[in-house]
C-alpha atoms as a PDB file:
ATOM      1  CA  MET A   1     -35.713   3.820   1.962  1.00  0.00           C
ATOM      2  CA  ASP A   2     -35.748   5.389  -1.515  1.00  0.00           C
ATOM      3  CA  GLU A   3     -35.253   8.806   0.065  1.00  0.00           C
ATOM      4  CA  ILE A   4     -32.129   7.610   1.869  1.00  0.00           C
ATOM      5  CA  LYS A   5     -30.733   6.080  -1.311  1.00  0.00           C
ATOM      6  CA  GLU A   6     -31.353   9.310  -3.205  1.00  0.00           C
ATOM      7  CA  LEU A   7     -29.642  11.363  -0.494  1.00  0.00           C
ATOM      8  CA  ALA A   8     -26.654   9.009  -0.474  1.00  0.00           C
ATOM      9  CA  ILE A   9     -26.261   9.408  -4.230  1.00  0.00           C
ATOM     10  CA  GLN A  10     -26.501  13.192  -3.899  1.00  0.00           C
ATOM     11  CA  VAL A  11     -23.709  13.231  -1.319  1.00  0.00           C
ATOM     12  CA  ILE A  12     -21.470  11.155  -3.564  1.00  0.00           C
ATOM     13  CA  GLU A  13     -22.218  13.344  -6.574  1.00  0.00           C
ATOM     14  CA  LYS A  14     -21.586  16.592  -4.683  1.00  0.00           C
ATOM     15  CA  GLU A  15     -18.294  15.412  -3.239  1.00  0.00           C
ATOM     16  CA  SER A  16     -17.179  13.944  -6.569  1.00  0.00           C
ATOM     17  CA  ALA A  17     -17.914  17.258  -8.283  1.00  0.00           C
ATOM     18  CA  ALA A  18     -15.950  19.128  -5.625  1.00  0.00           C
ATOM     19  CA  VAL A  19     -12.948  16.868  -6.130  1.00  0.00           C
ATOM     20  CA  LEU A  20     -13.080  17.175  -9.913  1.00  0.00           C
ATOM     21  CA  LYS A  21     -13.157  20.959  -9.579  1.00  0.00           C
ATOM     22  CA  LEU A  22      -9.720  20.782  -7.966  1.00  0.00           C
ATOM     23  CA  LYS A  23      -8.287  20.319 -11.457  1.00  0.00           C
ATOM     24  CA  ASP A  24      -9.078  23.977 -12.119  1.00  0.00           C
ATOM     25  CA  PHE A  25      -6.781  25.005  -9.259  1.00  0.00           C
ATOM     26  CA  ILE A  26      -3.695  23.042 -10.296  1.00  0.00           C
ATOM     27  CA  ASP A  27      -1.300  25.835 -11.257  1.00  0.00           C
ATOM     28  CA  GLN A  28       2.281  27.001 -10.797  1.00  0.00           C
ATOM     29  CA  ASN A  29       1.629  27.344  -7.070  1.00  0.00           C
ATOM     30  CA  LEU A  30       1.371  23.571  -6.765  1.00  0.00           C
ATOM     31  CA  VAL A  31       4.536  23.033  -8.794  1.00  0.00           C
ATOM     32  CA  ASP A  32       6.373  25.529  -6.584  1.00  0.00           C
ATOM     33  CA  VAL A  33       5.127  23.915  -3.364  1.00  0.00           C
ATOM     34  CA  VAL A  34       6.198  20.439  -4.509  1.00  0.00           C
ATOM     35  CA  ASP A  35       9.610  21.834  -5.446  1.00  0.00           C
ATOM     36  CA  LEU A  36       9.879  23.635  -2.098  1.00  0.00           C
ATOM     37  CA  MET A  37       9.047  20.466  -0.158  1.00  0.00           C
ATOM     38  CA  TYR A  38      11.347  18.342  -2.285  1.00  0.00           C
ATOM     39  CA  HIS A  39      14.404  20.526  -1.658  1.00  0.00           C
ATOM     40  CA  ASN A  40      13.571  21.253   1.975  1.00  0.00           C
ATOM     41  CA  SER A  41      16.054  19.901   4.528  1.00  0.00           C
ATOM     42  CA  GLY A  42      13.566  20.024   7.391  1.00  0.00           C
ATOM     43  CA  ARG A  43      10.162  18.557   8.056  1.00  0.00           C
ATOM     44  CA  VAL A  44       6.636  19.451   7.040  1.00  0.00           C
ATOM     45  CA  VAL A  45       4.453  20.656   9.914  1.00  0.00           C
ATOM     46  CA  VAL A  46       0.755  20.374   9.074  1.00  0.00           C
ATOM     47  CA  THR A  47      -1.748  22.313  11.145  1.00  0.00           C
ATOM     48  CA  GLY A  48      -5.438  23.126  11.257  1.00  0.00           C
ATOM     49  CA  ILE A  49      -8.444  23.569  13.516  1.00  0.00           C
ATOM     50  CA  GLY A  50     -11.626  21.523  13.855  1.00  0.00           C
ATOM     51  CA  LYS A  51     -12.277  18.995  11.071  1.00  0.00           C
ATOM     52  CA  SER A  52      -9.337  20.419   9.116  1.00  0.00           C
ATOM     53  CA  ALA A  53      -7.094  19.296  11.973  1.00  0.00           C
ATOM     54  CA  ILE A  54      -8.331  15.727  11.520  1.00  0.00           C
ATOM     55  CA  ILE A  55      -7.517  15.887   7.805  1.00  0.00           C
ATOM     56  CA  ALA A  56      -4.107  17.298   8.726  1.00  0.00           C
ATOM     57  CA  THR A  57      -3.314  14.215  10.819  1.00  0.00           C
ATOM     58  CA  LYS A  58      -4.090  11.952   7.866  1.00  0.00           C
ATOM     59  CA  MET A  59      -1.968  14.123   5.611  1.00  0.00           C
ATOM     60  CA  VAL A  60       0.950  13.785   8.020  1.00  0.00           C
ATOM     61  CA  ALA A  61       0.560  10.006   8.052  1.00  0.00           C
ATOM     62  CA  THR A  62       0.605   9.902   4.249  1.00  0.00           C
ATOM     63  CA  PHE A  63       3.667  12.137   4.024  1.00  0.00           C
ATOM     64  CA  ASN A  64       5.595  10.034   6.537  1.00  0.00           C
ATOM     65  CA  SER A  65       4.709   6.788   4.794  1.00  0.00           C
ATOM     66  CA  THR A  66       5.869   8.060   1.396  1.00  0.00           C
ATOM     67  CA  GLY A  67       9.239   9.523   2.312  1.00  0.00           C
ATOM     68  CA  THR A  68       8.410  13.076   3.455  1.00  0.00           C
ATOM     69  CA  PRO A  69       9.094  13.590   7.198  1.00  0.00           C
ATOM     70  CA  ALA A  70       6.083  15.339   8.742  1.00  0.00           C
ATOM     71  CA  LEU A  71       4.346  16.049  12.034  1.00  0.00           C
ATOM     72  CA  PHE A  72       0.987  17.379  13.145  1.00  0.00           C
ATOM     73  CA  MET A  73       0.481  20.546  15.185  1.00  0.00           C
ATOM     74  CA  HIS A  74      -3.011  21.531  16.328  1.00  0.00           C
ATOM     75  CA  ALA A  75      -3.596  25.207  15.619  1.00  0.00           C
ATOM     76  CA  ALA A  76      -5.175  25.810  19.014  1.00  0.00           C
ATOM     77  CA  ASP A  77      -2.342  24.094  20.892  1.00  0.00           C
ATOM     78  CA  ALA A  78       0.267  25.896  18.797  1.00  0.00           C
ATOM     79  CA  ILE A  79      -0.439  29.219  20.475  1.00  0.00           C
ATOM     80  CA  HIS A  80      -0.186  27.564  23.896  1.00  0.00           C
ATOM     81  CA  GLY A  81       3.324  26.151  23.588  1.00  0.00           C
ATOM     82  CA  ASP A  82       3.355  23.716  20.665  1.00  0.00           C
ATOM     83  CA  LEU A  83       5.010  26.267  18.390  1.00  0.00           C
ATOM     84  CA  GLY A  84       8.225  25.004  19.949  1.00  0.00           C
ATOM     85  CA  MET A  85       8.054  21.915  17.746  1.00  0.00           C
ATOM     86  CA  ILE A  86       8.697  24.026  14.632  1.00  0.00           C
ATOM     87  CA  GLN A  87      12.370  24.119  13.643  1.00  0.00           C
ATOM     88  CA  PRO A  88      13.912  26.850  11.441  1.00  0.00           C
ATOM     89  CA  SER A  89      14.107  24.613   8.356  1.00  0.00           C
ATOM     90  CA  ASP A  90      10.522  23.320   8.627  1.00  0.00           C
ATOM     91  CA  ILE A  91       7.718  24.136   6.198  1.00  0.00           C
ATOM     92  CA  VAL A  92       4.261  24.755   7.651  1.00  0.00           C
ATOM     93  CA  ILE A  93       1.088  23.731   5.814  1.00  0.00           C
ATOM     94  CA  CYS A  94      -2.083  25.233   7.224  1.00  0.00           C
ATOM     95  CA  LEU A  95      -5.501  23.796   6.363  1.00  0.00           C
ATOM     96  CA  SER A  96      -8.647  25.902   6.690  1.00  0.00           C
ATOM     97  CA  LYS A  97     -11.874  26.186   4.746  1.00  0.00           C
ATOM     98  CA  SER A  98     -12.617  29.793   5.674  1.00  0.00           C
ATOM     99  CA  GLY A  99      -9.046  30.891   6.327  1.00  0.00           C
ATOM    100  CA  ASP A 100     -10.431  33.406   8.822  1.00  0.00           C
ATOM    101  CA  THR A 101     -10.854  31.494  12.097  1.00  0.00           C
ATOM    102  CA  PRO A 102      -9.540  33.266  15.227  1.00  0.00           C
ATOM    103  CA  GLU A 103      -6.907  30.597  15.884  1.00  0.00           C
ATOM    104  CA  ILE A 104      -5.557  30.901  12.349  1.00  0.00           C
ATOM    105  CA  LYS A 105      -5.383  34.688  12.614  1.00  0.00           C
ATOM    106  CA  VAL A 106      -3.294  34.366  15.773  1.00  0.00           C
ATOM    107  CA  LEU A 107      -1.093  31.553  14.467  1.00  0.00           C
ATOM    108  CA  VAL A 108      -0.167  32.904  11.030  1.00  0.00           C
ATOM    109  CA  PRO A 109       1.732  36.045  12.192  1.00  0.00           C
ATOM    110  CA  LEU A 110       3.717  33.929  14.645  1.00  0.00           C
ATOM    111  CA  ILE A 111       4.810  31.536  11.899  1.00  0.00           C
ATOM    112  CA  LYS A 112       5.706  34.457   9.654  1.00  0.00           C
ATOM    113  CA  THR A 113       7.768  36.015  12.447  1.00  0.00           C
ATOM    114  CA  MET A 114       9.664  32.749  12.894  1.00  0.00           C
ATOM    115  CA  GLY A 115      10.623  32.887   9.217  1.00  0.00           C
ATOM    116  CA  ASN A 116       9.167  29.529   8.170  1.00  0.00           C
ATOM    117  CA  LYS A 117       7.593  29.148   4.745  1.00  0.00           C
ATOM    118  CA  LEU A 118       3.798  28.949   5.029  1.00  0.00           C
ATOM    119  CA  VAL A 119       1.627  26.991   2.600  1.00  0.00           C
ATOM    120  CA  ALA A 120      -2.146  27.454   2.771  1.00  0.00           C
ATOM    121  CA  ILE A 121      -4.675  24.855   1.638  1.00  0.00           C
ATOM    122  CA  VAL A 122      -7.799  26.970   1.754  1.00  0.00           C
ATOM    123  CA  SER A 123     -11.226  27.287   0.180  1.00  0.00           C
ATOM    124  CA  ASN A 124     -11.607  31.059   0.388  1.00  0.00           C
ATOM    125  CA  PRO A 125      -9.055  32.783  -1.876  1.00  0.00           C
ATOM    126  CA  ASP A 126      -9.757  36.179  -0.256  1.00  0.00           C
ATOM    127  CA  SER A 127      -9.274  35.004   3.312  1.00  0.00           C
ATOM    128  CA  TYR A 128      -6.638  36.172   5.769  1.00  0.00           C
ATOM    129  CA  LEU A 129      -4.777  32.870   5.489  1.00  0.00           C
ATOM    130  CA  ALA A 130      -4.776  32.914   1.696  1.00  0.00           C
ATOM    131  CA  ARG A 131      -3.417  36.481   1.616  1.00  0.00           C
ATOM    132  CA  GLN A 132      -0.693  35.920   4.212  1.00  0.00           C
ATOM    133  CA  ALA A 133       0.626  32.545   3.041  1.00  0.00           C
ATOM    134  CA  ASP A 134       3.777  32.312   0.946  1.00  0.00           C
ATOM    135  CA  TYR A 135       2.037  29.736  -1.240  1.00  0.00           C
ATOM    136  CA  ARG A 136      -1.690  29.206  -1.732  1.00  0.00           C
ATOM    137  CA  LEU A 137      -3.306  25.955  -2.836  1.00  0.00           C
ATOM    138  CA  LEU A 138      -7.008  26.415  -3.436  1.00  0.00           C
ATOM    139  CA  ALA A 139      -9.478  23.719  -2.433  1.00  0.00           C
ATOM    140  CA  THR A 140     -12.550  25.832  -3.135  1.00  0.00           C
ATOM    141  CA  VAL A 141     -15.992  24.232  -2.895  1.00  0.00           C
ATOM    142  CA  ASP A 142     -19.352  25.610  -3.960  1.00  0.00           C
ATOM    143  CA  GLY A 143     -21.016  24.093  -0.928  1.00  0.00           C
ATOM    144  CA  GLU A 144     -20.949  21.188   1.475  1.00  0.00           C
ATOM    145  CA  ALA A 145     -22.616  17.854   0.763  1.00  0.00           C
ATOM    146  CA  CYS A 146     -24.574  18.392   3.967  1.00  0.00           C
ATOM    147  CA  PRO A 147     -28.201  19.347   3.086  1.00  0.00           C
ATOM    148  CA  HIS A 148     -27.857  22.394   5.335  1.00  0.00           C
ATOM    149  CA  ASN A 149     -24.445  23.343   3.942  1.00  0.00           C
ATOM    150  CA  LEU A 150     -23.038  23.228   7.457  1.00  0.00           C
ATOM    151  CA  ALA A 151     -21.189  20.005   8.261  1.00  0.00           C
ATOM    152  CA  PRO A 152     -17.680  19.911   6.736  1.00  0.00           C
ATOM    153  CA  THR A 153     -17.986  17.259   4.027  1.00  0.00           C
ATOM    154  CA  SER A 154     -17.002  18.382   0.532  1.00  0.00           C
ATOM    155  CA  SER A 155     -14.495  20.855   1.959  1.00  0.00           C
ATOM    156  CA  THR A 156     -12.636  18.254   4.033  1.00  0.00           C
ATOM    157  CA  THR A 157     -12.715  15.788   1.138  1.00  0.00           C
ATOM    158  CA  THR A 158     -10.998  18.292  -1.161  1.00  0.00           C
ATOM    159  CA  GLN A 159      -8.415  19.060   1.524  1.00  0.00           C
ATOM    160  CA  LEU A 160      -7.710  15.353   1.799  1.00  0.00           C
ATOM    161  CA  VAL A 161      -7.302  14.979  -1.947  1.00  0.00           C
ATOM    162  CA  MET A 162      -5.014  18.003  -2.176  1.00  0.00           C
ATOM    163  CA  GLY A 163      -2.831  16.452   0.509  1.00  0.00           C
ATOM    164  CA  ASP A 164      -2.693  13.222  -1.487  1.00  0.00           C
ATOM    165  CA  VAL A 165      -1.753  15.217  -4.579  1.00  0.00           C
ATOM    166  CA  LEU A 166       1.253  16.663  -2.761  1.00  0.00           C
ATOM    167  CA  ALA A 167       2.287  13.297  -1.329  1.00  0.00           C
ATOM    168  CA  VAL A 168       2.076  11.462  -4.645  1.00  0.00           C
ATOM    169  CA  CYS A 169       3.881  14.213  -6.557  1.00  0.00           C
ATOM    170  CA  LEU A 170       6.674  14.128  -3.988  1.00  0.00           C
ATOM    171  CA  LEU A 171       6.760  10.336  -4.037  1.00  0.00           C
ATOM    172  CA  GLN A 172       7.277  10.409  -7.778  1.00  0.00           C
ATOM    173  CA  LYS A 173       9.845  13.210  -7.623  1.00  0.00           C
ATOM    174  CA  ARG A 174      11.856  11.384  -4.963  1.00  0.00           C
ATOM    175  CA  GLY A 175      11.806   8.123  -6.898  1.00  0.00           C
ATOM    176  CA  PHE A 176      10.203   6.441  -3.891  1.00  0.00           C
ATOM    177  CA  LYS A 177      10.031   2.703  -4.733  1.00  0.00           C
ATOM    178  CA  ALA A 178       8.250  -0.345  -3.361  1.00  0.00           C
ATOM    179  CA  ASP A 179      11.350  -1.240  -1.327  1.00  0.00           C
ATOM    180  CA  ASP A 180      11.278   2.199   0.302  1.00  0.00           C
ATOM    181  CA  PHE A 181       7.594   1.724   1.058  1.00  0.00           C
ATOM    182  CA  ALA A 182       8.312  -1.644   2.687  1.00  0.00           C
ATOM    183  CA  ARG A 183      10.970  -0.051   4.888  1.00  0.00           C
ATOM    184  CA  VAL A 184       8.429   2.251   6.518  1.00  0.00           C
ATOM    185  CA  HIS A 185       5.540  -0.271   6.437  1.00  0.00           C
ATOM    186  CA  PRO A 186       7.035  -3.375   8.072  1.00  0.00           C
ATOM    187  CA  GLY A 187       3.838  -4.324   9.899  1.00  0.00           C
ATOM    188  CA  GLY A 188       0.506  -5.661   8.727  1.00  0.00           C
ATOM    189  CA  ALA A 189      -0.507  -7.275   5.465  1.00  0.00           C
ATOM    190  CA  LEU A 190       0.641  -4.284   3.422  1.00  0.00           C
ATOM    191  CA  GLY A 191       4.178  -4.431   4.730  1.00  0.00           C
ATOM    192  CA  LYS A 192       4.360  -8.200   4.464  1.00  0.00           C
ATOM    193  CA  LYS A 193       3.445  -8.045   0.797  1.00  0.00           C
ATOM    194  CA  LEU A 194       6.424  -5.785   0.242  1.00  0.00           C
ATOM    195  CA  TYR A 195       9.168  -7.512   2.198  1.00  0.00           C
ATOM    196  CA  ILE A 196       8.372 -11.180   2.876  1.00  0.00           C
ATOM    197  CA  ARG A 197       9.993 -13.495   0.367  1.00  0.00           C
ATOM    198  CA  VAL A 198       9.507 -17.140  -0.485  1.00  0.00           C
ATOM    199  CA  SER A 199      12.679 -17.907   1.485  1.00  0.00           C
ATOM    200  CA  ASP A 200      11.007 -16.571   4.633  1.00  0.00           C
ATOM    201  CA  LEU A 201       8.026 -18.918   4.409  1.00  0.00           C
ATOM    202  CA  PHE A 202       8.849 -22.269   2.868  1.00  0.00           C
ATOM    203  CA  ASP A 203      10.145 -25.083   5.097  1.00  0.00           C
ATOM    204  CA  SER A 204      13.469 -26.236   3.666  1.00  0.00           C
ATOM    205  CA  SER A 205      13.354 -29.358   5.840  1.00  0.00           C
ATOM    206  CA  ARG A 206      10.337 -30.516   3.855  1.00  0.00           C
ATOM    207  CA  ALA A 207      11.492 -30.947   0.279  1.00  0.00           C
ATOM    208  CA  PRO A 208       9.647 -34.042  -0.954  1.00  0.00           C
ATOM    209  CA  SER A 209      11.227 -35.696  -3.966  1.00  0.00           C
ATOM    210  CA  VAL A 210      11.375 -39.016  -5.755  1.00  0.00           C
ATOM    211  CA  ASN A 211      13.569 -40.347  -8.526  1.00  0.00           C
ATOM    212  CA  TYR A 212      11.849 -40.463 -11.893  1.00  0.00           C
ATOM    213  CA  GLN A 213      12.155 -44.295 -11.790  1.00  0.00           C
ATOM    214  CA  GLU A 214      10.449 -44.519  -8.377  1.00  0.00           C
ATOM    215  CA  SER A 215       7.428 -46.783  -7.901  1.00  0.00           C
ATOM    216  CA  LEU A 216       3.935 -45.402  -7.595  1.00  0.00           C
ATOM    217  CA  GLN A 217       3.648 -46.774  -4.056  1.00  0.00           C
ATOM    218  CA  LYS A 218       6.754 -44.903  -2.878  1.00  0.00           C
ATOM    219  CA  THR A 219       5.609 -41.783  -4.706  1.00  0.00           C
ATOM    220  CA  ILE A 220       2.249 -41.807  -2.937  1.00  0.00           C
ATOM    221  CA  PHE A 221       3.968 -42.369   0.411  1.00  0.00           C
ATOM    222  CA  THR A 222       6.273 -39.388  -0.210  1.00  0.00           C
ATOM    223  CA  ILE A 223       3.364 -37.086  -1.072  1.00  0.00           C
ATOM    224  CA  SER A 224       1.330 -38.228   1.930  1.00  0.00           C
ATOM    225  CA  SER A 225       4.118 -38.068   4.524  1.00  0.00           C
ATOM    226  CA  ASN A 226       5.187 -34.517   3.671  1.00  0.00           C
ATOM    227  CA  ARG A 227       1.656 -33.101   3.596  1.00  0.00           C
ATOM    228  CA  LEU A 228       2.362 -30.614   0.845  1.00  0.00           C
ATOM    229  CA  GLY A 229       0.078 -32.282  -1.665  1.00  0.00           C
ATOM    230  CA  ALA A 230       2.890 -32.937  -4.143  1.00  0.00           C
ATOM    231  CA  THR A 231       6.395 -34.200  -4.695  1.00  0.00           C
ATOM    232  CA  ALA A 232       9.164 -33.126  -7.023  1.00  0.00           C
ATOM    233  CA  VAL A 233      10.506 -35.676  -9.488  1.00  0.00           C
ATOM    234  CA  LEU A 234      14.282 -35.657  -9.985  1.00  0.00           C
ATOM    235  CA  ASP A 235      16.525 -37.345 -12.538  1.00  0.00           C
ATOM    236  CA  ASP A 236      19.618 -39.399 -11.702  1.00  0.00           C
ATOM    237  CA  ASN A 237      21.667 -36.193 -11.358  1.00  0.00           C
ATOM    238  CA  GLY A 238      19.217 -34.656  -8.891  1.00  0.00           C
ATOM    239  CA  ALA A 239      17.876 -32.169 -11.414  1.00  0.00           C
ATOM    240  CA  LEU A 240      14.188 -31.299 -11.459  1.00  0.00           C
ATOM    241  CA  CYS A 241      12.336 -33.015 -14.276  1.00  0.00           C
ATOM    242  CA  GLY A 242       8.707 -32.957 -13.112  1.00  0.00           C
ATOM    243  CA  VAL A 243       6.135 -32.844 -10.353  1.00  0.00           C
ATOM    244  CA  ILE A 244       3.375 -35.195  -9.190  1.00  0.00           C
ATOM    245  CA  THR A 245       0.452 -33.856  -7.146  1.00  0.00           C
ATOM    246  CA  ASP A 246      -2.203 -35.667  -5.147  1.00  0.00           C
ATOM    247  CA  GLY A 247      -4.587 -34.478  -7.866  1.00  0.00           C
ATOM    248  CA  ASP A 248      -2.573 -36.411 -10.447  1.00  0.00           C
ATOM    249  CA  ILE A 249      -2.876 -39.551  -8.294  1.00  0.00           C
ATOM    250  CA  ARG A 250      -6.610 -39.019  -7.807  1.00  0.00           C
ATOM    251  CA  ARG A 251      -7.260 -38.572 -11.507  1.00  0.00           C
ATOM    252  CA  MET A 252      -5.244 -41.685 -12.295  1.00  0.00           C
ATOM    253  CA  VAL A 253      -7.323 -43.757  -9.861  1.00  0.00           C
ATOM    254  CA  GLU A 254     -10.550 -42.370 -11.320  1.00  0.00           C
ATOM    255  CA  ARG A 255      -9.488 -43.489 -14.789  1.00  0.00           C
ATOM    256  CA  GLY A 256      -9.118 -47.043 -13.494  1.00  0.00           C
ATOM    257  CA  GLY A 257      -7.024 -49.784 -15.073  1.00  0.00           C
ATOM    258  CA  SER A 258      -3.805 -51.378 -13.884  1.00  0.00           C
ATOM    259  CA  PHE A 259      -1.282 -48.984 -12.415  1.00  0.00           C
ATOM    260  CA  GLY A 260       0.729 -51.106  -9.989  1.00  0.00           C
ATOM    261  CA  ALA A 261       3.765 -51.094 -12.285  1.00  0.00           C
ATOM    262  CA  LEU A 262       3.712 -47.351 -13.036  1.00  0.00           C
ATOM    263  CA  ARG A 263       6.810 -45.274 -12.384  1.00  0.00           C
ATOM    264  CA  ALA A 264       6.985 -41.620 -11.431  1.00  0.00           C
ATOM    265  CA  LYS A 265       8.149 -40.583 -14.891  1.00  0.00           C
ATOM    266  CA  GLU A 266       4.938 -41.963 -16.403  1.00  0.00           C
ATOM    267  CA  LEU A 267       2.706 -39.890 -14.172  1.00  0.00           C
ATOM    268  CA  MET A 268       4.643 -36.676 -13.644  1.00  0.00           C
ATOM    269  CA  ASN A 269       3.868 -33.276 -15.110  1.00  0.00           C
ATOM    270  CA  LYS A 270       6.980 -32.416 -17.120  1.00  0.00           C
ATOM    271  CA  ASP A 271       6.322 -28.678 -16.882  1.00  0.00           C
ATOM    272  CA  PRO A 272       6.199 -27.948 -13.135  1.00  0.00           C
ATOM    273  CA  LYS A 273       5.412 -24.420 -11.972  1.00  0.00           C
ATOM    274  CA  THR A 274       8.423 -23.020 -10.135  1.00  0.00           C
ATOM    275  CA  ILE A 275       9.452 -19.885  -8.287  1.00  0.00           C
ATOM    276  CA  ASP A 276      12.831 -18.566  -7.205  1.00  0.00           C
ATOM    277  CA  ILE A 277      13.614 -18.626  -3.501  1.00  0.00           C
ATOM    278  CA  ASN A 278      14.238 -14.846  -3.498  1.00  0.00           C
ATOM    279  CA  GLU A 279      10.927 -13.944  -5.146  1.00  0.00           C
ATOM    280  CA  MET A 280       8.306 -12.034  -3.132  1.00  0.00           C
ATOM    281  CA  ALA A 281       5.809 -14.319  -1.392  1.00  0.00           C
ATOM    282  CA  ILE A 282       2.866 -12.317  -2.728  1.00  0.00           C
ATOM    283  CA  ASN A 283       4.033 -13.124  -6.262  1.00  0.00           C
ATOM    284  CA  ALA A 284       4.034 -16.816  -5.390  1.00  0.00           C
ATOM    285  CA  PHE A 285       0.443 -16.472  -4.229  1.00  0.00           C
ATOM    286  CA  ARG A 286      -0.569 -14.671  -7.413  1.00  0.00           C
ATOM    287  CA  LEU A 287       1.037 -17.362  -9.562  1.00  0.00           C
ATOM    288  CA  MET A 288      -0.796 -20.081  -7.644  1.00  0.00           C
ATOM    289  CA  GLU A 289      -4.072 -18.229  -8.074  1.00  0.00           C
ATOM    290  CA  GLU A 290      -3.447 -17.731 -11.781  1.00  0.00           C
ATOM    291  CA  LYS A 291      -2.559 -21.387 -12.393  1.00  0.00           C
ATOM    292  CA  LYS A 292      -5.224 -22.670  -9.951  1.00  0.00           C
ATOM    293  CA  ILE A 293      -2.705 -24.728  -7.980  1.00  0.00           C
ATOM    294  CA  THR A 294      -1.852 -24.894  -4.284  1.00  0.00           C
ATOM    295  CA  GLN A 295       1.922 -25.318  -4.283  1.00  0.00           C
ATOM    296  CA  LEU A 296       4.999 -24.226  -6.201  1.00  0.00           C
ATOM    297  CA  ILE A 297       8.414 -25.807  -6.640  1.00  0.00           C
ATOM    298  CA  VAL A 298      11.052 -23.558  -5.014  1.00  0.00           C
ATOM    299  CA  LEU A 299      14.346 -23.171  -6.836  1.00  0.00           C
ATOM    300  CA  LYS A 300      17.653 -21.729  -5.671  1.00  0.00           C
ATOM    301  CA  GLU A 301      20.012 -20.912  -8.522  1.00  0.00           C
ATOM    302  CA  GLY A 302      18.026 -23.398 -10.607  1.00  0.00           C
ATOM    303  CA  ASP A 303      18.232 -26.252  -8.103  1.00  0.00           C
ATOM    304  CA  TYR A 304      15.253 -27.763  -6.301  1.00  0.00           C
ATOM    305  CA  VAL A 305      15.214 -26.854  -2.600  1.00  0.00           C
ATOM    306  CA  GLY A 306      11.594 -27.410  -1.564  1.00  0.00           C
ATOM    307  CA  MET A 307       7.985 -26.305  -1.989  1.00  0.00           C
ATOM    308  CA  ILE A 308       5.845 -23.424  -0.860  1.00  0.00           C
ATOM    309  CA  HIS A 309       2.179 -24.097  -0.213  1.00  0.00           C
ATOM    310  CA  ILE A 310      -0.606 -21.555  -0.481  1.00  0.00           C
ATOM    311  CA  HIS A 311      -1.386 -22.160   3.189  1.00  0.00           C
ATOM    312  CA  ASP A 312       2.122 -20.960   4.121  1.00  0.00           C
ATOM    313  CA  ILE A 313       1.303 -17.582   2.615  1.00  0.00           C
ATOM    314  CA  MET A 314      -2.224 -17.340   4.003  1.00  0.00           C
ATOM    315  CA  ARG A 315      -1.055 -18.345   7.466  1.00  0.00           C
ATOM    316  CA  GLU A 316       1.357 -15.403   7.461  1.00  0.00           C
ATOM    317  CA  GLY A 317      -1.548 -12.999   6.827  1.00  0.00           C
ATOM    318  CA  ILE A 318      -0.191 -11.626   3.571  1.00  0.00           C
ATOM    319  CA  VAL A 319      -3.545 -12.119   1.862  1.00  0.00           C
END
């Protein structure tokens, strides 16, 4: 068991060191590639062979999700017809540790003949790919994390990080915002965090409220019948002036004494936690977590329109 733990730590240390070494290779080439991709009117075609091809698919996914149109082309399939997917305005990024595989040596001249700009992400600076590319981004590693220095580990990790570097630099340069991210991530919890608002979740037909002069009995009935664990307290003009939760009722009962004559105004919290109807639902959840409460008063242009409960947000799968 100790041997396995030690090996695991070694793998992490080797790959971490390889990633940190990438800082030494950040030069004008990277700046030029980011600028090239930013001003490009076409797409980014990412290609590779073996494990590099798998990293290329992830790179494509990251580009697409951050505002840079991209597609994957397997280097082996490219020379058997898939070259047709490359359009004249496209940029090609080729990933390879050695830069000297047979497929790469066949593919590179074809891309050059087509006139597309070629960017290499490569470990070997003296390789065929590195020499032939228009731009060279080094992801050089001293060795793999594999004990036998065989299985692609550190090399694919550095390729992955270099792809993320390009994506994030482009994201920043494009001014890609959270709203843009939501547009291309409409599904799943991630997307929901970015586009679902309080207005999408709260039930406007359930807006429990009592007048501040209301009896305790009616107040308890209102809280119980709406099943939101609270009721808003309104003044004679219908303006929000407080909130009463089932916790407030419970604490009052625990204190004992006579409370049959109590009115809502004597029990209410005069500083209710509110949220605007157009606010993001995830922000409502965070506020509830911060204040250790389970519901928020929902306001529309300052007027009370209902409540959102923490269960509404959890049921939607946002968190």
